[in-house]
PDB file of N, CA and C in Angstrom:
ATOM      1  N   MET A   1     157.628  23.485 101.573  1.00  0.00           N
ATOM      2  CA  MET A   1     156.699  23.099 100.554  1.00  0.00           C
ATOM      3  C   MET A   1     155.340  22.854 101.206  1.00  0.00           C
ATOM      4  N   ALA A   2     154.305  23.431 100.662  1.00  0.00           N
ATOM      5  CA  ALA A   2     152.960  23.235 101.178  1.00  0.00           C
ATOM      6  C   ALA A   2     152.464  21.845 100.802  1.00  0.00           C
ATOM      7  N   LEU A   3     151.515  21.319 101.561  1.00  0.00           N
ATOM      8  CA  LEU A   3     151.007  19.979 101.299  1.00  0.00           C
ATOM      9  C   LEU A   3     150.302  19.848  99.960  1.00  0.00           C
ATOM     10  N   GLU A   4     149.659  20.910  99.478  1.00  0.00           N
ATOM     11  CA  GLU A   4     148.906  20.807  98.233  1.00  0.00           C
ATOM     12  C   GLU A   4     149.789  20.863  96.993  1.00  0.00           C
ATOM     13  N   GLU A   5     151.058  21.249  97.130  1.00  0.00           N
ATOM     14  CA  GLU A   5     151.965  21.261  95.993  1.00  0.00           C
ATOM     15  C   GLU A   5     152.472  19.854  95.729  1.00  0.00           C
ATOM     16  N   SER A   6     152.720  19.543  94.461  1.00  0.00           N
ATOM     17  CA  SER A   6     153.266  18.235  94.130  1.00  0.00           C
ATOM     18  C   SER A   6     154.518  18.416  93.287  1.00  0.00           C
ATOM     19  N   VAL A   7     155.408  17.459  93.413  1.00  0.00           N
ATOM     20  CA  VAL A   7     156.652  17.474  92.660  1.00  0.00           C
ATOM     21  C   VAL A   7     156.483  16.516  91.484  1.00  0.00           C
ATOM     22  N   PRO A   8     156.821  16.973  90.273  1.00  0.00           N
ATOM     23  CA  PRO A   8     156.673  16.066  89.128  1.00  0.00           C
ATOM     24  C   PRO A   8     157.602  14.858  89.265  1.00  0.00           C
ATOM     25  N   GLU A   9     157.127  13.729  88.787  1.00  0.00           N
ATOM     26  CA  GLU A   9     157.903  12.496  88.849  1.00  0.00           C
ATOM     27  C   GLU A   9     159.074  12.580  87.876  1.00  0.00           C
ATOM     28  N   PRO A  10     160.242  12.097  88.254  1.00  0.00           N
ATOM     29  CA  PRO A  10     161.384  12.165  87.327  1.00  0.00           C
ATOM     30  C   PRO A  10     161.161  11.270  86.106  1.00  0.00           C
ATOM     31  N   GLU A  11     161.879  11.576  85.054  1.00  0.00           N
ATOM     32  CA  GLU A  11     161.741  10.772  83.832  1.00  0.00           C
ATOM     33  C   GLU A  11     162.230   9.357  84.104  1.00  0.00           C
ATOM     34  N   PHE A  12     161.541   8.385  83.479  1.00  0.00           N
ATOM     35  CA  PHE A  12     161.920   6.987  83.641  1.00  0.00           C
ATOM     36  C   PHE A  12     161.461   6.205  82.431  1.00  0.00           C
ATOM     37  N   LYS A  13     161.997   5.019  82.295  1.00  0.00           N
ATOM     38  CA  LYS A  13     161.602   4.131  81.206  1.00  0.00           C
ATOM     39  C   LYS A  13     161.085   2.850  81.827  1.00  0.00           C
ATOM     40  N   GLU A  14     159.836   2.528  81.534  1.00  0.00           N
ATOM     41  CA  GLU A  14     159.209   1.336  82.108  1.00  0.00           C
ATOM     42  C   GLU A  14     159.680   0.099  81.357  1.00  0.00           C
ATOM     43  N   ILE A  15     160.101  -0.912  82.111  1.00  0.00           N
ATOM     44  CA  ILE A  15     160.532  -2.176  81.519  1.00  0.00           C
ATOM     45  C   ILE A  15     159.386  -3.156  81.669  1.00  0.00           C
ATOM     46  N   GLU A  16     158.973  -3.732  80.573  1.00  0.00           N
ATOM     47  CA  GLU A  16     157.807  -4.631  80.569  1.00  0.00           C
ATOM     48  C   GLU A  16     158.033  -5.831  81.476  1.00  0.00           C
ATOM     49  N   LYS A  17     156.928  -6.262  82.112  1.00  0.00           N
ATOM     50  CA  LYS A  17     156.864  -7.448  82.981  1.00  0.00           C
ATOM     51  C   LYS A  17     157.790  -7.350  84.203  1.00  0.00           C
ATOM     52  N   THR A  18     158.112  -6.143  84.620  1.00  0.00           N
ATOM     53  CA  THR A  18     158.938  -5.994  85.821  1.00  0.00           C
ATOM     54  C   THR A  18     158.212  -5.250  86.934  1.00  0.00           C
ATOM     55  N   GLU A  19     156.977  -4.820  86.662  1.00  0.00           N
ATOM     56  CA  GLU A  19     156.282  -4.064  87.700  1.00  0.00           C
ATOM     57  C   GLU A  19     155.905  -4.966  88.856  1.00  0.00           C
ATOM     58  N   LYS A  20     155.881  -4.372  90.043  1.00  0.00           N
ATOM     59  CA  LYS A  20     155.613  -5.116  91.270  1.00  0.00           C
ATOM     60  C   LYS A  20     154.897  -4.187  92.233  1.00  0.00           C
ATOM     61  N   ASN A  21     153.843  -4.664  92.855  1.00  0.00           N
ATOM     62  CA  ASN A  21     153.130  -3.880  93.866  1.00  0.00           C
ATOM     63  C   ASN A  21     153.745  -4.158  95.235  1.00  0.00           C
ATOM     64  N   ILE A  22     154.170  -3.089  95.897  1.00  0.00           N
ATOM     65  CA  ILE A  22     154.776  -3.201  97.220  1.00  0.00           C
ATOM     66  C   ILE A  22     154.000  -2.276  98.152  1.00  0.00           C
ATOM     67  N   PRO A  23     153.528  -2.788  99.313  1.00  0.00           N
ATOM     68  CA  PRO A  23     152.820  -1.907 100.246  1.00  0.00           C
ATOM     69  C   PRO A  23     153.779  -0.852 100.810  1.00  0.00           C
ATOM     70  N   LEU A  24     153.282   0.350 100.923  1.00  0.00           N
ATOM     71  CA  LEU A  24     154.066   1.460 101.452  1.00  0.00           C
ATOM     72  C   LEU A  24     153.639   1.705 102.899  1.00  0.00           C
ATOM     73  N   LYS A  25     154.602   1.677 103.810  1.00  0.00           N
ATOM     74  CA  LYS A  25     154.314   1.920 105.224  1.00  0.00           C
ATOM     75  C   LYS A  25     154.887   3.279 105.596  1.00  0.00           C
ATOM     76  N   ILE A  26     154.061   4.109 106.214  1.00  0.00           N
ATOM     77  CA  ILE A  26     154.471   5.448 106.607  1.00  0.00           C
ATOM     78  C   ILE A  26     154.167   5.651 108.080  1.00  0.00           C
ATOM     79  N   ASN A  27     155.083   6.320 108.768  1.00  0.00           N
ATOM     80  CA  ASN A  27     154.897   6.639 110.167  1.00  0.00           C
ATOM     81  C   ASN A  27     155.228   8.120 110.363  1.00  0.00           C
ATOM     82  N   ALA A  28     154.374   8.852 111.065  1.00  0.00           N
ATOM     83  CA  ALA A  28     154.625  10.270 111.324  1.00  0.00           C
ATOM     84  C   ALA A  28     154.202  10.605 112.750  1.00  0.00           C
ATOM     85  N   VAL A  29     154.898  11.572 113.332  1.00  0.00           N
ATOM     86  CA  VAL A  29     154.564  12.058 114.671  1.00  0.00           C
ATOM     87  C   VAL A  29     154.293  13.549 114.564  1.00  0.00           C
ATOM     88  N   SER A  30     153.158  13.964 115.099  1.00  0.00           N
ATOM     89  CA  SER A  30     152.803  15.384 115.092  1.00  0.00           C
ATOM     90  C   SER A  30     152.402  15.769 116.513  1.00  0.00           C
ATOM     91  N   ASP A  31     152.989  16.852 116.994  1.00  0.00           N
ATOM     92  CA  ASP A  31     152.708  17.274 118.359  1.00  0.00           C
ATOM     93  C   ASP A  31     153.086  18.736 118.514  1.00  0.00           C
ATOM     94  N   PHE A  32     152.636  19.351 119.584  1.00  0.00           N
ATOM     95  CA  PHE A  32     153.042  20.697 119.958  1.00  0.00           C
ATOM     96  C   PHE A  32     154.148  20.579 121.001  1.00  0.00           C
ATOM     97  N   ALA A  33     155.073  21.516 120.985  1.00  0.00           N
ATOM     98  CA  ALA A  33     156.134  21.521 121.992  1.00  0.00           C
ATOM     99  C   ALA A  33     155.526  21.839 123.356  1.00  0.00           C
ATOM    100  N   ARG A  34     155.847  20.999 124.346  1.00  0.00           N
ATOM    101  CA  ARG A  34     155.390  21.200 125.724  1.00  0.00           C
ATOM    102  C   ARG A  34     156.571  20.905 126.649  1.00  0.00           C
ATOM    103  N   TYR A  35     156.612  21.610 127.759  1.00  0.00           N
ATOM    104  CA  TYR A  35     157.706  21.383 128.694  1.00  0.00           C
ATOM    105  C   TYR A  35     157.242  21.636 130.115  1.00  0.00           C
ATOM    106  N   GLU A  36     158.021  21.125 131.054  1.00  0.00           N
ATOM    107  CA  GLU A  36     157.835  21.392 132.481  1.00  0.00           C
ATOM    108  C   GLU A  36     159.158  21.908 133.010  1.00  0.00           C
ATOM    109  N   VAL A  37     159.093  22.913 133.852  1.00  0.00           N
ATOM    110  CA  VAL A  37     160.294  23.462 134.461  1.00  0.00           C
ATOM    111  C   VAL A  37     160.006  23.653 135.948  1.00  0.00           C
ATOM    112  N   ASP A  38     160.982  23.295 136.787  1.00  0.00           N
ATOM    113  CA  ASP A  38     160.736  23.371 138.230  1.00  0.00           C
ATOM    114  C   ASP A  38     161.045  24.749 138.816  1.00  0.00           C
ATOM    115  N   THR A  39     161.564  25.690 138.016  1.00  0.00           N
ATOM    116  CA  THR A  39     161.901  27.030 138.492  1.00  0.00           C
ATOM    117  C   THR A  39     161.481  28.054 137.456  1.00  0.00           C
ATOM    118  N   ARG A  40     160.783  29.085 137.860  1.00  0.00           N
ATOM    119  CA  ARG A  40     160.384  30.157 136.946  1.00  0.00           C
ATOM    120  C   ARG A  40     161.196  31.427 137.163  1.00  0.00           C
ATOM    121  N   GLU A  41     161.591  31.696 138.393  1.00  0.00           N
ATOM    122  CA  GLU A  41     162.366  32.889 138.722  1.00  0.00           C
ATOM    123  C   GLU A  41     163.510  32.493 139.635  1.00  0.00           C
ATOM    124  N   ILE A  42     164.623  33.181 139.489  1.00  0.00           N
ATOM    125  CA  ILE A  42     165.793  32.921 140.325  1.00  0.00           C
ATOM    126  C   ILE A  42     166.197  34.229 140.986  1.00  0.00           C
ATOM    127  N   TYR A  43     166.284  34.218 142.289  1.00  0.00           N
ATOM    128  CA  TYR A  43     166.738  35.377 143.048  1.00  0.00           C
ATOM    129  C   TYR A  43     168.026  34.983 143.762  1.00  0.00           C
ATOM    130  N   PHE A  44     169.119  35.664 143.439  1.00  0.00           N
ATOM    131  CA  PHE A  44     170.387  35.393 144.093  1.00  0.00           C
ATOM    132  C   PHE A  44     170.568  36.302 145.297  1.00  0.00           C
ATOM    133  N   LYS A  45     171.112  35.749 146.344  1.00  0.00           N
ATOM    134  CA  LYS A  45     171.456  36.546 147.517  1.00  0.00           C
ATOM    135  C   LYS A  45     172.675  37.390 147.173  1.00  0.00           C
ATOM    136  N   PRO A  46     172.919  38.468 147.915  1.00  0.00           N
ATOM    137  CA  PRO A  46     174.137  39.243 147.676  1.00  0.00           C
ATOM    138  C   PRO A  46     175.364  38.331 147.773  1.00  0.00           C
ATOM    139  N   THR A  47     176.291  38.521 146.850  1.00  0.00           N
ATOM    140  CA  THR A  47     177.464  37.666 146.770  1.00  0.00           C
ATOM    141  C   THR A  47     178.727  38.515 146.852  1.00  0.00           C
ATOM    142  N   LEU A  48     179.675  38.097 147.660  1.00  0.00           N
ATOM    143  CA  LEU A  48     180.927  38.828 147.805  1.00  0.00           C
ATOM    144  C   LEU A  48     181.746  38.760 146.519  1.00  0.00           C
ATOM    145  N   MET A  49     182.615  39.745 146.343  1.00  0.00           N
ATOM    146  CA  MET A  49     183.476  39.757 145.162  1.00  0.00           C
ATOM    147  C   MET A  49     184.343  38.504 145.123  1.00  0.00           C
ATOM    148  N   TYR A  50     184.628  38.028 143.921  1.00  0.00           N
ATOM    149  CA  TYR A  50     185.474  36.868 143.651  1.00  0.00           C
ATOM    150  C   TYR A  50     184.892  35.568 144.190  1.00  0.00           C
ATOM    151  N   THR A  51     183.601  35.552 144.433  1.00  0.00           N
ATOM    152  CA  THR A  51     182.918  34.315 144.816  1.00  0.00           C
ATOM    153  C   THR A  51     181.812  34.054 143.800  1.00  0.00           C
ATOM    154  N   THR A  52     181.269  32.867 143.813  1.00  0.00           N
ATOM    155  CA  THR A  52     180.226  32.513 142.845  1.00  0.00           C
ATOM    156  C   THR A  52     179.046  31.860 143.548  1.00  0.00           C
ATOM    157  N   ARG A  53     177.928  31.943 142.887  1.00  0.00           N
ATOM    158  CA  ARG A  53     176.725  31.211 143.303  1.00  0.00           C
ATOM    159  C   ARG A  53     176.189  30.524 142.057  1.00  0.00           C
ATOM    160  N   ILE A  54     175.734  29.313 142.241  1.00  0.00           N
ATOM    161  CA  ILE A  54     175.191  28.539 141.115  1.00  0.00           C
ATOM    162  C   ILE A  54     173.778  28.126 141.458  1.00  0.00           C
ATOM    163  N   HIS A  55     172.910  28.243 140.470  1.00  0.00           N
ATOM    164  CA  HIS A  55     171.536  27.760 140.631  1.00  0.00           C
ATOM    165  C   HIS A  55     171.226  26.843 139.461  1.00  0.00           C
ATOM    166  N   LYS A  56     170.899  25.599 139.766  1.00  0.00           N
ATOM    167  CA  LYS A  56     170.573  24.626 138.723  1.00  0.00           C
ATOM    168  C   LYS A  56     169.085  24.331 138.772  1.00  0.00           C
ATOM    169  N   PHE A  57     168.505  24.079 137.594  1.00  0.00           N
ATOM    170  CA  PHE A  57     167.104  23.675 137.523  1.00  0.00           C
ATOM    171  C   PHE A  57     166.912  22.756 136.332  1.00  0.00           C
ATOM    172  N   ASN A  58     165.839  21.972 136.377  1.00  0.00           N
ATOM    173  CA  ASN A  58     165.560  20.995 135.328  1.00  0.00           C
ATOM    174  C   ASN A  58     164.463  21.485 134.395  1.00  0.00           C
ATOM    175  N   VAL A  59     164.640  21.180 133.128  1.00  0.00           N
ATOM    176  CA  VAL A  59     163.619  21.412 132.108  1.00  0.00           C
ATOM    177  C   VAL A  59     163.328  20.061 131.487  1.00  0.00           C
ATOM    178  N   LYS A  60     162.044  19.686 131.429  1.00  0.00           N
ATOM    179  CA  LYS A  60     161.664  18.391 130.862  1.00  0.00           C
ATOM    180  C   LYS A  60     160.788  18.611 129.642  1.00  0.00           C
ATOM    181  N   ASN A  61     161.138  17.960 128.553  1.00  0.00           N
ATOM    182  CA  ASN A  61     160.338  17.991 127.334  1.00  0.00           C
ATOM    183  C   ASN A  61     159.254  16.922 127.474  1.00  0.00           C
ATOM    184  N   THR A  62     158.014  17.330 127.609  1.00  0.00           N
ATOM    185  CA  THR A  62     156.906  16.381 127.793  1.00  0.00           C
ATOM    186  C   THR A  62     156.161  16.111 126.490  1.00  0.00           C
ATOM    187  N   SER A  63     156.678  16.596 125.371  1.00  0.00           N
ATOM    188  CA  SER A  63     156.004  16.378 124.093  1.00  0.00           C
ATOM    189  C   SER A  63     156.633  15.203 123.352  1.00  0.00           C
ATOM    190  N   LEU A  64     156.079  14.891 122.196  1.00  0.00           N
ATOM    191  CA  LEU A  64     156.559  13.777 121.380  1.00  0.00           C
ATOM    192  C   LEU A  64     157.543  14.230 120.307  1.00  0.00           C
ATOM    193  N   ILE A  65     157.895  15.504 120.303  1.00  0.00           N
ATOM    194  CA  ILE A  65     158.832  16.042 119.314  1.00  0.00           C
ATOM    195  C   ILE A  65     159.992  16.719 120.038  1.00  0.00           C
ATOM    196  N   ALA A  66     161.073  16.973 119.320  1.00  0.00           N
ATOM    197  CA  ALA A  66     162.232  17.648 119.911  1.00  0.00           C
ATOM    198  C   ALA A  66     161.863  19.084 120.285  1.00  0.00           C
ATOM    199  N   LEU A  67     162.428  19.561 121.375  1.00  0.00           N
ATOM    200  CA  LEU A  67     162.150  20.906 121.878  1.00  0.00           C
ATOM    201  C   LEU A  67     163.425  21.739 121.808  1.00  0.00           C
ATOM    202  N   LYS A  68     163.431  22.754 120.934  1.00  0.00           N
ATOM    203  CA  LYS A  68     164.558  23.674 120.859  1.00  0.00           C
ATOM    204  C   LYS A  68     164.326  24.784 121.880  1.00  0.00           C
ATOM    205  N   TYR A  69     165.396  25.207 122.558  1.00  0.00           N
ATOM    206  CA  TYR A  69     165.243  26.255 123.563  1.00  0.00           C
ATOM    207  C   TYR A  69     166.394  27.255 123.488  1.00  0.00           C
ATOM    208  N   GLN A  70     166.118  28.461 123.978  1.00  0.00           N
ATOM    209  CA  GLN A  70     167.111  29.522 124.124  1.00  0.00           C
ATOM    210  C   GLN A  70     166.840  30.218 125.451  1.00  0.00           C
ATOM    211  N   CYS A  71     167.885  30.501 126.196  1.00  0.00           N
ATOM    212  CA  CYS A  71     167.736  31.159 127.490  1.00  0.00           C
ATOM    213  C   CYS A  71     168.348  32.553 127.432  1.00  0.00           C
ATOM    214  N   ARG A  72     167.811  33.439 128.242  1.00  0.00           N
ATOM    215  CA  ARG A  72     168.379  34.775 128.354  1.00  0.00           C
ATOM    216  C   ARG A  72     168.130  35.307 129.761  1.00  0.00           C
ATOM    217  N   ILE A  73     168.944  36.249 130.144  1.00  0.00           N
ATOM    218  CA  ILE A  73     168.833  36.872 131.462  1.00  0.00           C
ATOM    219  C   ILE A  73     168.044  38.156 131.296  1.00  0.00           C
ATOM    220  N   VAL A  74     167.005  38.301 132.108  1.00  0.00           N
ATOM    221  CA  VAL A  74     166.144  39.479 132.026  1.00  0.00           C
ATOM    222  C   VAL A  74     166.051  40.100 133.406  1.00  0.00           C
ATOM    223  N   LYS A  75     166.237  41.405 133.454  1.00  0.00           N
ATOM    224  CA  LYS A  75     166.128  42.148 134.709  1.00  0.00           C
ATOM    225  C   LYS A  75     164.740  42.771 134.768  1.00  0.00           C
ATOM    226  N   TYR A  76     164.008  42.509 135.841  1.00  0.00           N
ATOM    227  CA  TYR A  76     162.671  43.071 136.019  1.00  0.00           C
ATOM    228  C   TYR A  76     162.707  44.196 137.028  1.00  0.00           C
ATOM    229  N   ASP A  77     162.062  45.272 136.667  1.00  0.00           N
ATOM    230  CA  ASP A  77     161.891  46.393 137.578  1.00  0.00           C
ATOM    231  C   ASP A  77     160.393  46.610 137.688  1.00  0.00           C
ATOM    232  N   ASP A  78     159.870  46.802 138.875  1.00  0.00           N
ATOM    233  CA  ASP A  78     158.420  46.941 139.067  1.00  0.00           C
ATOM    234  C   ASP A  78     157.828  48.086 138.260  1.00  0.00           C
ATOM    235  N   ASP A  79     158.595  49.161 138.060  1.00  0.00           N
ATOM    236  CA  ASP A  79     158.070  50.335 137.366  1.00  0.00           C
ATOM    237  C   ASP A  79     158.346  50.323 135.864  1.00  0.00           C
ATOM    238  N   GLU A  80     159.215  49.448 135.405  1.00  0.00           N
ATOM    239  CA  GLU A  80     159.604  49.447 134.005  1.00  0.00           C
ATOM    240  C   GLU A  80     159.323  48.100 133.366  1.00  0.00           C
ATOM    241  N   LYS A  81     159.483  48.067 132.049  1.00  0.00           N
ATOM    242  CA  LYS A  81     159.369  46.809 131.317  1.00  0.00           C
ATOM    243  C   LYS A  81     160.629  45.988 131.563  1.00  0.00           C
ATOM    244  N   PRO A  82     160.563  44.672 131.295  1.00  0.00           N
ATOM    245  CA  PRO A  82     161.761  43.839 131.472  1.00  0.00           C
ATOM    246  C   PRO A  82     162.890  44.328 130.564  1.00  0.00           C
ATOM    247  N   MET A  83     164.112  44.292 131.092  1.00  0.00           N
ATOM    248  CA  MET A  83     165.294  44.711 130.330  1.00  0.00           C
ATOM    249  C   MET A  83     166.282  43.560 130.292  1.00  0.00           C
ATOM    250  N   ILE A  84     166.952  43.414 129.160  1.00  0.00           N
ATOM    251  CA  ILE A  84     167.994  42.401 129.050  1.00  0.00           C
ATOM    252  C   ILE A  84     169.284  43.040 129.540  1.00  0.00           C
ATOM    253  N   ASP A  85     169.728  42.603 130.704  1.00  0.00           N
ATOM    254  CA  ASP A  85     170.926  43.160 131.318  1.00  0.00           C
ATOM    255  C   ASP A  85     171.627  42.031 132.072  1.00  0.00           C
ATOM    256  N   PRO A  86     172.520  41.273 131.412  1.00  0.00           N
ATOM    257  CA  PRO A  86     173.126  40.133 132.084  1.00  0.00           C
ATOM    258  C   PRO A  86     174.064  40.502 133.224  1.00  0.00           C
ATOM    259  N   GLY A  87     174.615  41.717 133.213  1.00  0.00           N
ATOM    260  CA  GLY A  87     175.536  42.087 134.289  1.00  0.00           C
ATOM    261  C   GLY A  87     176.659  41.076 134.399  1.00  0.00           C
ATOM    262  N   TYR A  88     176.872  40.529 135.582  1.00  0.00           N
ATOM    263  CA  TYR A  88     177.937  39.557 135.801  1.00  0.00           C
ATOM    264  C   TYR A  88     177.423  38.117 135.738  1.00  0.00           C
ATOM    265  N   PHE A  89     176.190  37.932 135.330  1.00  0.00           N
ATOM    266  CA  PHE A  89     175.595  36.603 135.299  1.00  0.00           C
ATOM    267  C   PHE A  89     175.773  35.965 133.928  1.00  0.00           C
ATOM    268  N   TYR A  90     175.736  34.639 133.888  1.00  0.00           N
ATOM    269  CA  TYR A  90     175.715  33.942 132.604  1.00  0.00           C
ATOM    270  C   TYR A  90     174.930  32.649 132.745  1.00  0.00           C
ATOM    271  N   ILE A  91     174.477  32.141 131.612  1.00  0.00           N
ATOM    272  CA  ILE A  91     173.675  30.920 131.548  1.00  0.00           C
ATOM    273  C   ILE A  91     174.451  29.885 130.745  1.00  0.00           C
ATOM    274  N   SER A  92     174.412  28.661 131.204  1.00  0.00           N
ATOM    275  CA  SER A  92     175.059  27.579 130.473  1.00  0.00           C
ATOM    276  C   SER A  92     174.200  26.328 130.572  1.00  0.00           C
ATOM    277  N   PRO A  93     173.773  25.734 129.492  1.00  0.00           N
ATOM    278  CA  PRO A  93     173.915  26.161 128.102  1.00  0.00           C
ATOM    279  C   PRO A  93     172.885  27.235 127.761  1.00  0.00           C
ATOM    280  N   LYS A  94     173.220  28.116 126.831  1.00  0.00           N
ATOM    281  CA  LYS A  94     172.303  29.188 126.434  1.00  0.00           C
ATOM    282  C   LYS A  94     171.206  28.683 125.514  1.00  0.00           C
ATOM    283  N   SER A  95     171.500  27.660 124.741  1.00  0.00           N
ATOM    284  CA  SER A  95     170.500  27.108 123.824  1.00  0.00           C
ATOM    285  C   SER A  95     170.787  25.633 123.623  1.00  0.00           C
ATOM    286  N   GLY A  96     169.816  24.946 123.083  1.00  0.00           N
ATOM    287  CA  GLY A  96     169.980  23.518 122.844  1.00  0.00           C
ATOM    288  C   GLY A  96     168.700  22.900 122.330  1.00  0.00           C
ATOM    289  N   CYS A  97     168.680  21.594 122.363  1.00  0.00           N
ATOM    290  CA  CYS A  97     167.521  20.847 121.877  1.00  0.00           C
ATOM    291  C   CYS A  97     167.336  19.630 122.781  1.00  0.00           C
ATOM    292  N   LEU A  98     166.131  19.476 123.312  1.00  0.00           N
ATOM    293  CA  LEU A  98     165.806  18.325 124.164  1.00  0.00           C
ATOM    294  C   LEU A  98     165.036  17.287 123.349  1.00  0.00           C
ATOM    295  N   ALA A  99     165.445  16.058 123.430  1.00  0.00           N
ATOM    296  CA  ALA A  99     164.743  14.976 122.742  1.00  0.00           C
ATOM    297  C   ALA A  99     163.370  14.766 123.397  1.00  0.00           C
ATOM    298  N   PRO A 100     162.438  14.128 122.700  1.00  0.00           N
ATOM    299  CA  PRO A 100     161.116  13.876 123.279  1.00  0.00           C
ATOM    300  C   PRO A 100     161.204  13.110 124.603  1.00  0.00           C
ATOM    301  N   ASN A 101     160.404  13.522 125.563  1.00  0.00           N
ATOM    302  CA  ASN A 101     160.306  12.890 126.885  1.00  0.00           C
ATOM    303  C   ASN A 101     161.643  12.804 127.620  1.00  0.00           C
ATOM    304  N   CYS A 102     162.516  13.786 127.422  1.00  0.00           N
ATOM    305  CA  CYS A 102     163.804  13.835 128.113  1.00  0.00           C
ATOM    306  C   CYS A 102     163.885  15.087 128.960  1.00  0.00           C
ATOM    307  N   ASP A 103     164.820  15.080 129.904  1.00  0.00           N
ATOM    308  CA  ASP A 103     165.052  16.278 130.693  1.00  0.00           C
ATOM    309  C   ASP A 103     166.539  16.602 130.678  1.00  0.00           C
ATOM    310  N   ASP A 104     166.825  17.840 131.077  1.00  0.00           N
ATOM    311  CA  ASP A 104     168.195  18.308 131.064  1.00  0.00           C
ATOM    312  C   ASP A 104     168.487  19.090 132.318  1.00  0.00           C
TER     313      ASP A 104
END
């Protein structure tokens, strides 16, 4: 709903001598999603069959609102555009939501 639209008030019946003025308190938070991450690229060394390598990194939500994220594996080739090719790799968690000023 856009801000300039209004919703009609529901039907009601006013009861005489019962009206009361009550102050209305409103609180709102508005911000842009911002984050800090300590790793931008991950390069794995050659790994033998039936063995694993793990790389962990932190993502911190530095904004005042929740930060939704999704991760994907992208293969870069110097001569081509990035390609989505997970191969034998996987990411955990693939998506989620970070609370304001939290890290994961």
